Amino acid sequence: MKLATRLFVTTSLPVAVAVVGLVVTADQLLRRNFEDEIAYSLEHEARVLADLLPADSLRWPELARQLGGGTGHRVTLIDPKGNVRGDTEFDRGALGQFENHWMRPEV
């Protein structure tokens, strides 16, 4: 094998490994940062929406549809006991079929 070929291989291999390592690390950092930003944004929106809720949960089904349309997200309104009181994707009659959401990780 020629000297030039050996030098190319011995210098290219560590550079390639370093580049792959940097790409993988950057991908993980960017992904984590992106997920944190989404979580922060959703939590902020949820707090703002919670402040807008009337005390009367009978109005929550219609309000969930309005809020979901305004934010572009699915909105599920849950009372302090974990019962679903409003959802953008289900009408009032279907709300009683939901399981209690109190122990869900996202809640």
PDB file of N, CA and C in Angstrom:
ATOM      1  N   MET A   1       0.849  -1.161   0.000  1.00  0.00           N
ATOM      2  CA  MET A   1       0.000   0.000   0.000  1.00  0.00           C
ATOM      3  C   MET A   1       0.907   1.241   0.000  1.00  0.00           C
ATOM      4  N   LYS A   2       0.527   2.226  -0.770  1.00  0.00           N
ATOM      5  CA  LYS A   2       1.339   3.425  -0.880  1.00  0.00           C
ATOM      6  C   LYS A   2       1.253   4.247   0.405  1.00  0.00           C
ATOM      7  N   LEU A   3       2.253   5.060   0.618  1.00  0.00           N
ATOM      8  CA  LEU A   3       2.315   5.909   1.797  1.00  0.00           C
ATOM      9  C   LEU A   3       1.150   6.900   1.810  1.00  0.00           C
ATOM     10  N   ALA A   4       0.830   7.450   0.679  1.00  0.00           N
ATOM     11  CA  ALA A   4      -0.271   8.418   0.592  1.00  0.00           C
ATOM     12  C   ALA A   4      -1.602   7.764   0.980  1.00  0.00           C
ATOM     13  N   THR A   5      -1.826   6.539   0.543  1.00  0.00           N
ATOM     14  CA  THR A   5      -3.054   5.820   0.867  1.00  0.00           C
ATOM     15  C   THR A   5      -3.122   5.531   2.355  1.00  0.00           C
ATOM     16  N   ARG A   6      -2.019   5.107   2.940  1.00  0.00           N
ATOM     17  CA  ARG A   6      -1.999   4.823   4.378  1.00  0.00           C
ATOM     18  C   ARG A   6      -2.248   6.098   5.192  1.00  0.00           C
ATOM     19  N   LEU A   7      -1.643   7.205   4.795  1.00  0.00           N
ATOM     20  CA  LEU A   7      -1.857   8.466   5.493  1.00  0.00           C
ATOM     21  C   LEU A   7      -3.313   8.916   5.385  1.00  0.00           C
ATOM     22  N   PHE A   8      -3.878   8.765   4.206  1.00  0.00           N
ATOM     23  CA  PHE A   8      -5.279   9.146   4.001  1.00  0.00           C
ATOM     24  C   PHE A   8      -6.193   8.325   4.904  1.00  0.00           C
ATOM     25  N   VAL A   9      -5.998   7.016   4.949  1.00  0.00           N
ATOM     26  CA  VAL A   9      -6.839   6.138   5.758  1.00  0.00           C
ATOM     27  C   VAL A   9      -6.656   6.433   7.240  1.00  0.00           C
ATOM     28  N   THR A  10      -5.424   6.606   7.687  1.00  0.00           N
ATOM     29  CA  THR A  10      -5.182   6.814   9.114  1.00  0.00           C
ATOM     30  C   THR A  10      -5.661   8.188   9.590  1.00  0.00           C
ATOM     31  N   THR A  11      -5.755   9.155   8.713  1.00  0.00           N
ATOM     32  CA  THR A  11      -6.273  10.465   9.126  1.00  0.00           C
ATOM     33  C   THR A  11      -7.782  10.580   8.881  1.00  0.00           C
ATOM     34  N   SER A  12      -8.289   9.917   7.876  1.00  0.00           N
ATOM     35  CA  SER A  12      -9.714  10.002   7.549  1.00  0.00           C
ATOM     36  C   SER A  12     -10.571   9.247   8.551  1.00  0.00           C
ATOM     37  N   LEU A  13     -10.104   8.130   9.026  1.00  0.00           N
ATOM     38  CA  LEU A  13     -10.897   7.323   9.952  1.00  0.00           C
ATOM     39  C   LEU A  13     -11.174   8.075  11.256  1.00  0.00           C
ATOM     40  N   PRO A  14     -10.191   8.651  11.947  1.00  0.00           N
ATOM     41  CA  PRO A  14     -10.497   9.405  13.167  1.00  0.00           C
ATOM     42  C   PRO A  14     -11.382  10.631  12.900  1.00  0.00           C
ATOM     43  N   VAL A  15     -11.180  11.283  11.785  1.00  0.00           N
ATOM     44  CA  VAL A  15     -12.010  12.446  11.451  1.00  0.00           C
ATOM     45  C   VAL A  15     -13.460  12.001  11.242  1.00  0.00           C
ATOM     46  N   ALA A  16     -13.660  10.900  10.537  1.00  0.00           N
ATOM     47  CA  ALA A  16     -15.020  10.396  10.295  1.00  0.00           C
ATOM     48  C   ALA A  16     -15.693  10.008  11.609  1.00  0.00           C
ATOM     49  N   VAL A  17     -14.962   9.358  12.493  1.00  0.00           N
ATOM     50  CA  VAL A  17     -15.517   8.963  13.794  1.00  0.00           C
ATOM     51  C   VAL A  17     -15.886  10.215  14.597  1.00  0.00           C
ATOM     52  N   ALA A  18     -15.032  11.223  14.576  1.00  0.00           N
ATOM     53  CA  ALA A  18     -15.305  12.467  15.305  1.00  0.00           C
ATOM     54  C   ALA A  18     -16.535  13.160  14.746  1.00  0.00           C
ATOM     55  N   VAL A  19     -16.659  13.205  13.431  1.00  0.00           N
ATOM     56  CA  VAL A  19     -17.817  13.862  12.809  1.00  0.00           C
ATOM     57  C   VAL A  19     -19.103  13.123  13.170  1.00  0.00           C
ATOM     58  N   VAL A  20     -19.087  11.811  13.102  1.00  0.00           N
ATOM     59  CA  VAL A  20     -20.274  11.024  13.458  1.00  0.00           C
ATOM     60  C   VAL A  20     -20.630  11.265  14.925  1.00  0.00           C
ATOM     61  N   GLY A  21     -19.630  11.289  15.803  1.00  0.00           N
ATOM     62  CA  GLY A  21     -19.886  11.553  17.218  1.00  0.00           C
ATOM     63  C   GLY A  21     -20.499  12.922  17.449  1.00  0.00           C
ATOM     64  N   LEU A  22     -19.999  13.928  16.751  1.00  0.00           N
ATOM     65  CA  LEU A  22     -20.545  15.272  16.877  1.00  0.00           C
ATOM     66  C   LEU A  22     -21.984  15.357  16.371  1.00  0.00           C
ATOM     67  N   VAL A  23     -22.256  14.694  15.268  1.00  0.00           N
ATOM     68  CA  VAL A  23     -23.614  14.713  14.707  1.00  0.00           C
ATOM     69  C   VAL A  23     -24.592  14.042  15.669  1.00  0.00           C
ATOM     70  N   VAL A  24     -24.214  12.908  16.224  1.00  0.00           N
ATOM     71  CA  VAL A  24     -25.093  12.196  17.161  1.00  0.00           C
ATOM     72  C   VAL A  24     -25.327  13.036  18.413  1.00  0.00           C
ATOM     73  N   THR A  25     -24.268  13.626  18.950  1.00  0.00           N
ATOM     74  CA  THR A  25     -24.394  14.455  20.142  1.00  0.00           C
ATOM     75  C   THR A  25     -25.260  15.685  19.869  1.00  0.00           C
ATOM     76  N   ALA A  26     -25.032  16.345  18.752  1.00  0.00           N
ATOM     77  CA  ALA A  26     -25.831  17.521  18.398  1.00  0.00           C
ATOM     78  C   ALA A  26     -27.297  17.142  18.225  1.00  0.00           C
ATOM     79  N   ASP A  27     -27.564  15.998  17.616  1.00  0.00           N
ATOM     80  CA  ASP A  27     -28.939  15.545  17.428  1.00  0.00           C
ATOM     81  C   ASP A  27     -29.631  15.337  18.772  1.00  0.00           C
ATOM     82  N   GLN A  28     -28.955  14.700  19.702  1.00  0.00           N
ATOM     83  CA  GLN A  28     -29.547  14.463  21.021  1.00  0.00           C
ATOM     84  C   GLN A  28     -29.800  15.771  21.759  1.00  0.00           C
ATOM     85  N   LEU A  29     -28.848  16.687  21.714  1.00  0.00           N
ATOM     86  CA  LEU A  29     -29.018  17.973  22.391  1.00  0.00           C
ATOM     87  C   LEU A  29     -30.151  18.789  21.778  1.00  0.00           C
ATOM     88  N   LEU A  30     -30.212  18.823  20.469  1.00  0.00           N
ATOM     89  CA  LEU A  30     -31.283  19.562  19.798  1.00  0.00           C
ATOM     90  C   LEU A  30     -32.647  18.945  20.069  1.00  0.00           C
ATOM     91  N   ARG A  31     -32.703  17.630  20.053  1.00  0.00           N
ATOM     92  CA  ARG A  31     -33.970  16.937  20.320  1.00  0.00           C
ATOM     93  C   ARG A  31     -34.446  17.243  21.740  1.00  0.00           C
ATOM     94  N   ARG A  32     -33.544  17.165  22.718  1.00  0.00           N
ATOM     95  CA  ARG A  32     -33.904  17.450  24.109  1.00  0.00           C
ATOM     96  C   ARG A  32     -34.356  18.904  24.253  1.00  0.00           C
ATOM     97  N   ASN A  33     -33.648  19.816  23.623  1.00  0.00           N
ATOM     98  CA  ASN A  33     -34.000  21.226  23.690  1.00  0.00           C
ATOM     99  C   ASN A  33     -35.371  21.471  23.059  1.00  0.00           C
ATOM    100  N   PHE A  34     -35.620  20.843  21.924  1.00  0.00           N
ATOM    101  CA  PHE A  34     -36.899  20.989  21.232  1.00  0.00           C
ATOM    102  C   PHE A  34     -38.040  20.445  22.089  1.00  0.00           C
ATOM    103  N   GLU A  35     -37.853  19.280  22.687  1.00  0.00           N
ATOM    104  CA  GLU A  35     -38.882  18.694  23.541  1.00  0.00           C
ATOM    105  C   GLU A  35     -39.142  19.562  24.768  1.00  0.00           C
ATOM    106  N   ASP A  36     -38.081  20.129  25.350  1.00  0.00           N
ATOM    107  CA  ASP A  36     -38.255  21.017  26.496  1.00  0.00           C
ATOM    108  C   ASP A  36     -39.036  22.266  26.110  1.00  0.00           C
ATOM    109  N   GLU A  37     -38.751  22.813  24.937  1.00  0.00           N
ATOM    110  CA  GLU A  37     -39.472  24.009  24.464  1.00  0.00           C
ATOM    111  C   GLU A  37     -40.950  23.703  24.242  1.00  0.00           C
ATOM    112  N   ILE A  38     -41.243  22.551  23.663  1.00  0.00           N
ATOM    113  CA  ILE A  38     -42.640  22.169  23.437  1.00  0.00           C
ATOM    114  C   ILE A  38     -43.353  21.988  24.770  1.00  0.00           C
ATOM    115  N   ALA A  39     -42.709  21.310  25.712  1.00  0.00           N
ATOM    116  CA  ALA A  39     -43.324  21.090  27.021  1.00  0.00           C
ATOM    117  C   ALA A  39     -43.588  22.419  27.722  1.00  0.00           C
ATOM    118  N   TYR A  40     -42.633  23.328  27.662  1.00  0.00           N
ATOM    119  CA  TYR A  40     -42.811  24.646  28.292  1.00  0.00           C
ATOM    120  C   TYR A  40     -43.972  25.401  27.637  1.00  0.00           C
ATOM    121  N   SER A  41     -44.017  25.380  26.329  1.00  0.00           N
ATOM    122  CA  SER A  41     -45.068  26.086  25.606  1.00  0.00           C
ATOM    123  C   SER A  41     -46.448  25.519  25.937  1.00  0.00           C
ATOM    124  N   LEU A  42     -46.562  24.192  25.959  1.00  0.00           N
ATOM    125  CA  LEU A  42     -47.855  23.574  26.270  1.00  0.00           C
ATOM    126  C   LEU A  42     -48.268  23.855  27.712  1.00  0.00           C
ATOM    127  N   GLU A  43     -47.303  23.825  28.627  1.00  0.00           N
ATOM    128  CA  GLU A  43     -47.628  24.128  30.021  1.00  0.00           C
ATOM    129  C   GLU A  43     -48.087  25.574  30.166  1.00  0.00           C
ATOM    130  N   HIS A  44     -47.421  26.480  29.476  1.00  0.00           N
ATOM    131  CA  HIS A  44     -47.805  27.891  29.518  1.00  0.00           C
ATOM    132  C   HIS A  44     -49.228  28.079  28.970  1.00  0.00           C
ATOM    133  N   GLU A  45     -49.524  27.448  27.837  1.00  0.00           N
ATOM    134  CA  GLU A  45     -50.862  27.541  27.259  1.00  0.00           C
ATOM    135  C   GLU A  45     -51.905  26.956  28.204  1.00  0.00           C
ATOM    136  N   ALA A  46     -51.578  25.839  28.848  1.00  0.00           N
ATOM    137  CA  ALA A  46     -52.519  25.199  29.771  1.00  0.00           C
ATOM    138  C   ALA A  46     -52.818  26.108  30.959  1.00  0.00           C
ATOM    139  N   ARG A  47     -51.797  26.782  31.469  1.00  0.00           N
ATOM    140  CA  ARG A  47     -52.015  27.702  32.600  1.00  0.00           C
ATOM    141  C   ARG A  47     -52.895  28.889  32.183  1.00  0.00           C
ATOM    142  N   VAL A  48     -52.664  29.407  30.995  1.00  0.00           N
ATOM    143  CA  VAL A  48     -53.490  30.524  30.510  1.00  0.00           C
ATOM    144  C   VAL A  48     -54.933  30.060  30.325  1.00  0.00           C
ATOM    145  N   LEU A  49     -55.120  28.898  29.724  1.00  0.00           N
ATOM    146  CA  LEU A  49     -56.477  28.383  29.516  1.00  0.00           C
ATOM    147  C   LEU A  49     -57.166  28.094  30.843  1.00  0.00           C
ATOM    148  N   ALA A  50     -56.422  27.593  31.824  1.00  0.00           N
ATOM    149  CA  ALA A  50     -57.014  27.301  33.134  1.00  0.00           C
ATOM    150  C   ALA A  50     -57.537  28.576  33.789  1.00  0.00           C
ATOM    151  N   ASP A  51     -56.843  29.683  33.576  1.00  0.00           N
ATOM    152  CA  ASP A  51     -57.303  30.955  34.142  1.00  0.00           C
ATOM    153  C   ASP A  51     -58.591  31.448  33.479  1.00  0.00           C
ATOM    154  N   LEU A  52     -58.856  30.998  32.268  1.00  0.00           N
ATOM    155  CA  LEU A  52     -60.054  31.426  31.545  1.00  0.00           C
ATOM    156  C   LEU A  52     -61.284  30.586  31.864  1.00  0.00           C
ATOM    157  N   LEU A  53     -61.094  29.464  32.525  1.00  0.00           N
ATOM    158  CA  LEU A  53     -62.217  28.553  32.762  1.00  0.00           C
ATOM    159  C   LEU A  53     -63.207  29.125  33.764  1.00  0.00           C
ATOM    160  N   PRO A  54     -64.490  29.039  33.424  1.00  0.00           N
ATOM    161  CA  PRO A  54     -65.497  29.449  34.401  1.00  0.00           C
ATOM    162  C   PRO A  54     -65.644  28.365  35.472  1.00  0.00           C
ATOM    163  N   ALA A  55     -66.145  28.758  36.623  1.00  0.00           N
ATOM    164  CA  ALA A  55     -66.328  27.801  37.717  1.00  0.00           C
ATOM    165  C   ALA A  55     -67.371  26.741  37.360  1.00  0.00           C
ATOM    166  N   ASP A  56     -68.326  27.100  36.531  1.00  0.00           N
ATOM    167  CA  ASP A  56     -69.398  26.188  36.122  1.00  0.00           C
ATOM    168  C   ASP A  56     -68.872  25.230  35.054  1.00  0.00           C
ATOM    169  N   SER A  57     -68.632  23.972  35.438  1.00  0.00           N
ATOM    170  CA  SER A  57     -68.062  23.005  34.486  1.00  0.00           C
ATOM    171  C   SER A  57     -69.070  22.543  33.441  1.00  0.00           C
ATOM    172  N   LEU A  58     -70.329  22.937  33.550  1.00  0.00           N
ATOM    173  CA  LEU A  58     -71.312  22.577  32.525  1.00  0.00           C
ATOM    174  C   LEU A  58     -71.023  23.283  31.204  1.00  0.00           C
ATOM    175  N   ARG A  59     -70.309  24.392  31.253  1.00  0.00           N
ATOM    176  CA  ARG A  59     -69.962  25.135  30.029  1.00  0.00           C
ATOM    177  C   ARG A  59     -68.637  24.655  29.432  1.00  0.00           C
ATOM    178  N   TRP A  60     -67.943  23.782  30.103  1.00  0.00           N
ATOM    179  CA  TRP A  60     -66.613  23.348  29.663  1.00  0.00           C
ATOM    180  C   TRP A  60     -66.597  22.612  28.324  1.00  0.00           C
ATOM    181  N   PRO A  61     -67.599  21.781  27.985  1.00  0.00           N
ATOM    182  CA  PRO A  61     -67.537  21.099  26.677  1.00  0.00           C
ATOM    183  C   PRO A  61     -67.473  22.072  25.501  1.00  0.00           C
ATOM    184  N   GLU A  62     -68.310  23.099  25.522  1.00  0.00           N
ATOM    185  CA  GLU A  62     -68.287  24.081  24.447  1.00  0.00           C
ATOM    186  C   GLU A  62     -67.010  24.911  24.488  1.00  0.00           C
ATOM    187  N   LEU A  63     -66.571  25.228  25.683  1.00  0.00           N
ATOM    188  CA  LEU A  63     -65.349  26.010  25.845  1.00  0.00           C
ATOM    189  C   LEU A  63     -64.126  25.231  25.355  1.00  0.00           C
ATOM    190  N   ALA A  64     -64.114  23.922  25.579  1.00  0.00           N
ATOM    191  CA  ALA A  64     -62.997  23.097  25.101  1.00  0.00           C
ATOM    192  C   ALA A  64     -62.902  23.172  23.586  1.00  0.00           C
ATOM    193  N   ARG A  65     -64.025  23.112  22.918  1.00  0.00           N
ATOM    194  CA  ARG A  65     -64.025  23.210  21.446  1.00  0.00           C
ATOM    195  C   ARG A  65     -63.514  24.576  20.982  1.00  0.00           C
ATOM    196  N   GLN A  66     -63.950  25.625  21.640  1.00  0.00           N
ATOM    197  CA  GLN A  66     -63.507  26.974  21.266  1.00  0.00           C
ATOM    198  C   GLN A  66     -62.009  27.138  21.504  1.00  0.00           C
ATOM    199  N   LEU A  67     -61.541  26.698  22.663  1.00  0.00           N
ATOM    200  CA  LEU A  67     -60.120  26.844  22.991  1.00  0.00           C
ATOM    201  C   LEU A  67     -59.255  25.994  22.076  1.00  0.00           C
ATOM    202  N   GLY A  68     -59.720  24.805  21.766  1.00  0.00           N
ATOM    203  CA  GLY A  68     -58.968  23.940  20.861  1.00  0.00           C
ATOM    204  C   GLY A  68     -58.870  24.521  19.470  1.00  0.00           C
ATOM    205  N   GLY A  69     -59.949  25.123  19.021  1.00  0.00           N
ATOM    206  CA  GLY A  69     -59.922  25.776  17.712  1.00  0.00           C
ATOM    207  C   GLY A  69     -58.987  26.968  17.694  1.00  0.00           C
ATOM    208  N   GLY A  70     -58.936  27.686  18.808  1.00  0.00           N
ATOM    209  CA  GLY A  70     -58.085  28.868  18.891  1.00  0.00           C
ATOM    210  C   GLY A  70     -56.602  28.552  19.011  1.00  0.00           C
ATOM    211  N   THR A  71     -56.283  27.448  19.670  1.00  0.00           N
ATOM    212  CA  THR A  71     -54.868  27.102  19.865  1.00  0.00           C
ATOM    213  C   THR A  71     -54.339  26.146  18.805  1.00  0.00           C
ATOM    214  N   GLY A  72     -55.245  25.425  18.151  1.00  0.00           N
ATOM    215  CA  GLY A  72     -54.809  24.429  17.173  1.00  0.00           C
ATOM    216  C   GLY A  72     -54.374  23.127  17.826  1.00  0.00           C
ATOM    217  N   HIS A  73     -54.695  22.950  19.108  1.00  0.00           N
ATOM    218  CA  HIS A  73     -54.347  21.736  19.838  1.00  0.00           C
ATOM    219  C   HIS A  73     -55.614  21.038  20.299  1.00  0.00           C
ATOM    220  N   ARG A  74     -55.470  19.762  20.613  1.00  0.00           N
ATOM    221  CA  ARG A  74     -56.563  19.077  21.283  1.00  0.00           C
ATOM    222  C   ARG A  74     -56.576  19.566  22.724  1.00  0.00           C
ATOM    223  N   VAL A  75     -57.745  19.931  23.202  1.00  0.00           N
ATOM    224  CA  VAL A  75     -57.896  20.410  24.569  1.00  0.00           C
ATOM    225  C   VAL A  75     -58.818  19.454  25.307  1.00  0.00           C
ATOM    226  N   THR A  76     -58.344  18.944  26.423  1.00  0.00           N
ATOM    227  CA  THR A  76     -59.146  18.110  27.312  1.00  0.00           C
ATOM    228  C   THR A  76     -59.205  18.825  28.648  1.00  0.00           C
ATOM    229  N   LEU A  77     -60.393  19.157  29.090  1.00  0.00           N
ATOM    230  CA  LEU A  77     -60.566  19.850  30.357  1.00  0.00           C
ATOM    231  C   LEU A  77     -60.933  18.832  31.424  1.00  0.00           C
ATOM    232  N   ILE A  78     -60.161  18.845  32.503  1.00  0.00           N
ATOM    233  CA  ILE A  78     -60.294  17.856  33.564  1.00  0.00           C
ATOM    234  C   ILE A  78     -60.540  18.595  34.878  1.00  0.00           C
ATOM    235  N   ASP A  79     -61.536  18.134  35.638  1.00  0.00           N
ATOM    236  CA  ASP A  79     -61.805  18.778  36.924  1.00  0.00           C
ATOM    237  C   ASP A  79     -60.778  18.317  37.967  1.00  0.00           C
ATOM    238  N   PRO A  80     -60.782  18.918  39.146  1.00  0.00           N
ATOM    239  CA  PRO A  80     -59.783  18.570  40.164  1.00  0.00           C
ATOM    240  C   PRO A  80     -59.810  17.108  40.616  1.00  0.00           C
ATOM    241  N   LYS A  81     -60.919  16.404  40.371  1.00  0.00           N
ATOM    242  CA  LYS A  81     -61.002  14.995  40.751  1.00  0.00           C
ATOM    243  C   LYS A  81     -60.520  14.063  39.646  1.00  0.00           C
ATOM    244  N   GLY A  82     -60.188  14.617  38.467  1.00  0.00           N
ATOM    245  CA  GLY A  82     -59.697  13.805  37.362  1.00  0.00           C
ATOM    246  C   GLY A  82     -60.742  13.433  36.334  1.00  0.00           C
ATOM    247  N   ASN A  83     -61.971  13.917  36.501  1.00  0.00           N
ATOM    248  CA  ASN A  83     -63.044  13.622  35.546  1.00  0.00           C
ATOM    249  C   ASN A  83     -62.948  14.551  34.341  1.00  0.00           C
ATOM    250  N   VAL A  84     -63.124  13.973  33.157  1.00  0.00           N
ATOM    251  CA  VAL A  84     -63.089  14.766  31.930  1.00  0.00           C
ATOM    252  C   VAL A  84     -64.408  15.521  31.807  1.00  0.00           C
ATOM    253  N   ARG A  85     -64.312  16.846  31.698  1.00  0.00           N
ATOM    254  CA  ARG A  85     -65.496  17.697  31.603  1.00  0.00           C
ATOM    255  C   ARG A  85     -65.651  18.356  30.243  1.00  0.00           C
ATOM    256  N   GLY A  86     -64.629  18.251  29.402  1.00  0.00           N
ATOM    257  CA  GLY A  86     -64.705  18.832  28.071  1.00  0.00           C
ATOM    258  C   GLY A  86     -63.555  18.331  27.223  1.00  0.00           C
ATOM    259  N   ASP A  87     -63.803  18.138  25.935  1.00  0.00           N
ATOM    260  CA  ASP A  87     -62.764  17.664  25.026  1.00  0.00           C
ATOM    261  C   ASP A  87     -63.109  18.136  23.616  1.00  0.00           C
ATOM    262  N   THR A  88     -62.071  18.535  22.884  1.00  0.00           N
ATOM    263  CA  THR A  88     -62.308  19.051  21.542  1.00  0.00           C
ATOM    264  C   THR A  88     -62.796  17.970  20.583  1.00  0.00           C
ATOM    265  N   GLU A  89     -62.496  16.709  20.861  1.00  0.00           N
ATOM    266  CA  GLU A  89     -62.809  15.635  19.913  1.00  0.00           C
ATOM    267  C   GLU A  89     -64.047  14.818  20.269  1.00  0.00           C
ATOM    268  N   PHE A  90     -64.668  15.107  21.417  1.00  0.00           N
ATOM    269  CA  PHE A  90     -65.820  14.312  21.845  1.00  0.00           C
ATOM    270  C   PHE A  90     -66.943  15.231  22.292  1.00  0.00           C
ATOM    271  N   ASP A  91     -68.170  14.822  22.009  1.00  0.00           N
ATOM    272  CA  ASP A  91     -69.302  15.640  22.431  1.00  0.00           C
ATOM    273  C   ASP A  91     -69.643  15.362  23.895  1.00  0.00           C
ATOM    274  N   ARG A  92     -70.556  16.128  24.417  1.00  0.00           N
ATOM    275  CA  ARG A  92     -70.925  16.057  25.835  1.00  0.00           C
ATOM    276  C   ARG A  92     -71.351  14.640  26.244  1.00  0.00           C
ATOM    277  N   GLY A  93     -72.079  13.945  25.398  1.00  0.00           N
ATOM    278  CA  GLY A  93     -72.572  12.613  25.741  1.00  0.00           C
ATOM    279  C   GLY A  93     -71.475  11.580  25.914  1.00  0.00           C
ATOM    280  N   ALA A  94     -70.369  11.736  25.221  1.00  0.00           N
ATOM    281  CA  ALA A  94     -69.275  10.764  25.303  1.00  0.00           C
ATOM    282  C   ALA A  94     -68.341  11.011  26.479  1.00  0.00           C
ATOM    283  N   LEU A  95     -68.449  12.145  27.139  1.00  0.00           N
ATOM    284  CA  LEU A  95     -67.510  12.481  28.207  1.00  0.00           C
ATOM    285  C   LEU A  95     -67.604  11.542  29.399  1.00  0.00           C
ATOM    286  N   GLY A  96     -68.781  10.989  29.657  1.00  0.00           N
ATOM    287  CA  GLY A  96     -68.956  10.070  30.780  1.00  0.00           C
ATOM    288  C   GLY A  96     -68.253   8.741  30.586  1.00  0.00           C
ATOM    289  N   GLN A  97     -67.850   8.430  29.363  1.00  0.00           N
ATOM    290  CA  GLN A  97     -67.191   7.155  29.080  1.00  0.00           C
ATOM    291  C   GLN A  97     -65.686   7.193  29.314  1.00  0.00           C
ATOM    292  N   PHE A  98     -65.133   8.371  29.550  1.00  0.00           N
ATOM    293  CA  PHE A  98     -63.698   8.493  29.771  1.00  0.00           C
ATOM    294  C   PHE A  98     -63.318   7.910  31.126  1.00  0.00           C
ATOM    295  N   GLU A  99     -62.142   7.311  31.172  1.00  0.00           N
ATOM    296  CA  GLU A  99     -61.593   6.872  32.453  1.00  0.00           C
ATOM    297  C   GLU A  99     -61.122   8.098  33.226  1.00  0.00           C
ATOM    298  N   ASN A 100     -60.939   7.942  34.512  1.00  0.00           N
ATOM    299  CA  ASN A 100     -60.438   9.029  35.332  1.00  0.00           C
ATOM    300  C   ASN A 100     -59.004   9.345  34.913  1.00  0.00           C
ATOM    301  N   HIS A 101     -58.714  10.627  34.718  1.00  0.00           N
ATOM    302  CA  HIS A 101     -57.405  11.057  34.201  1.00  0.00           C
ATOM    303  C   HIS A 101     -56.429  11.485  35.292  1.00  0.00           C
ATOM    304  N   TRP A 102     -56.833  11.404  36.549  1.00  0.00           N
ATOM    305  CA  TRP A 102     -56.017  11.926  37.628  1.00  0.00           C
ATOM    306  C   TRP A 102     -54.610  11.332  37.673  1.00  0.00           C
ATOM    307  N   MET A 103     -54.459  10.027  37.417  1.00  0.00           N
ATOM    308  CA  MET A 103     -53.168   9.360  37.543  1.00  0.00           C
ATOM    309  C   MET A 103     -52.379   9.306  36.233  1.00  0.00           C
ATOM    310  N   ARG A 104     -52.864   9.933  35.191  1.00  0.00           N
ATOM    311  CA  ARG A 104     -52.138   9.943  33.918  1.00  0.00           C
ATOM    312  C   ARG A 104     -50.860  10.767  34.048  1.00  0.00           C
ATOM    313  N   PRO A 105     -49.779  10.325  33.425  1.00  0.00           N
ATOM    314  CA  PRO A 105     -48.503  11.057  33.549  1.00  0.00           C
ATOM    315  C   PRO A 105     -48.563  12.494  33.055  1.00  0.00           C
ATOM    316  N   GLU A 106     -49.311  12.741  31.992  1.00  0.00           N
ATOM    317  CA  GLU A 106     -49.359  14.099  31.456  1.00  0.00           C
ATOM    318  C   GLU A 106     -50.156  15.052  32.339  1.00  0.00           C
ATOM    319  N   VAL A 107     -51.011  14.502  33.192  1.00  0.00           N
ATOM    320  CA  VAL A 107     -51.787  15.339  34.105  1.00  0.00           C
ATOM    321  C   VAL A 107     -50.952  15.646  35.330  1.00  0.00           C
TER     322      VAL A 107
END
